[in-house]
């Protein structure tokens, strides 16, 4: 038995705005515990006998995935989707990439919480014999409440600790969800699966040959780029968009469901995070510098500033460096409406936070005005920014900590803390961290245009 984990790390997590943004979505955040959700997903596999994972993500998030997996020694294979085409094509890429070995593929989302990892491991091992016999297994979460935010799986005939799938049901209204809970024969659809690679491809070919053909063509153009595996972009862009549920599981005769009781949550909203968080005696879950007075059953998180609440009940307050969300706990799903509104108005907050991560480190925009911008830049040990120039701005750099190796035109020199340099407009330049500790720089930009797209690159070790 060989199990190959396939981790789906796409998605934008709009319902967890303002912490989750399109450029830095929830799967890469530390929302529950000391690890990011992606890292927690990988660590959850420790009780299973698995090979290195395949992680599937989009182009924009590739460096997040590589860095976070490297931190937990689980880099494995990272397949980049040229465009998002939903789960059925993404899983097909993984299955086609492994078809020669034909392992069991354990498909997991990168943004789930599972409190009882032992129960998770037990459920997976229970599903192995079924998957080896040719069944396509999905894991159904035993419901604890009449939840209207999840799809449901109706179970059929018993199959030695599992059940055939009688039907899949869309997210129900409250009355229907209550009936499902009382019936006892319905499970939450977890979006986790186990099947042999070849069996999935056989079923995909039979029911959605157009998706199979497009993915097969895309995988023929496979090549490696740094830590990443790329497929033929044009072939994949021609692939139809569909989920594994609609494309395969609702059509196959070999779908089975294995019940799982493992403290599962997909953290689809701030209220669902409150559900699984540790709380004080008043039912409040807090993170950061928070002071509460006569406040109950609330979730409060702050990144950088003191947040105080007085006389409130059942609210969510999320404070970041550049945005604050205040919502009733029953309405947190509507954060996605705010994101859509910001996007329609072309405001950057729907996509970017003030702190922006790059493969070499990160920067924080501390202040900005009409013709100036101040950034705090952190460069990781051994990392280097691209060799570049700007057409519309000049820059002053002041080293706060660490050592900077600066290239400016034909010059190359070192800067230590409290030393500075000036980069005139149009001069080719770069900075790298040759040391063993993080390099921090204060950068003051001035000019007629200060956008991030005012960069002419001449060389970049990250292939951008």
Foldseek 3Di string as FASTA:
>chain_A
DEEAEEEEEEDQLLLAPPVTFNLRGQLLDPLDDDAGLLLVVVVLCVVDRYDQYEYEYEPSCVLSLQVRCVVVVRLGAYAYAPDDQAALLRLLLVLVVCVVVFDKYKYYYSQKDFQASVLVRVLVVQCVVLQVVLFKEFAFELDPALDQPFKKWFFDDDDRQWGATPAIGHRDPSVVSVVVNVVRRMGTGRRIIIHTSVSSLVQLCVQPVQSSVLSVQQSVQWDDDVRHIYTNNVSSVSHHHDYCCVRGVRPDRRYMYRYTHGRMDSCSHVLVSLVPADADPQSEHEEDQEAEECEHNEYEYEDDDYDYYYNYYQWYWYYYPPDIDIGRNVCSSCSSVVLVVCVVVVHCSNHDDQWRADSQGIKGFPDDDQFKTKIKDKGAAPGKDFFKAFQWKKKKKAWQAAKKFKDWAPDTDIDHHRDMDIHDHPITMMIHGNDHGMTIMMMMMGGNDDDPVRIDGDGDPNPD
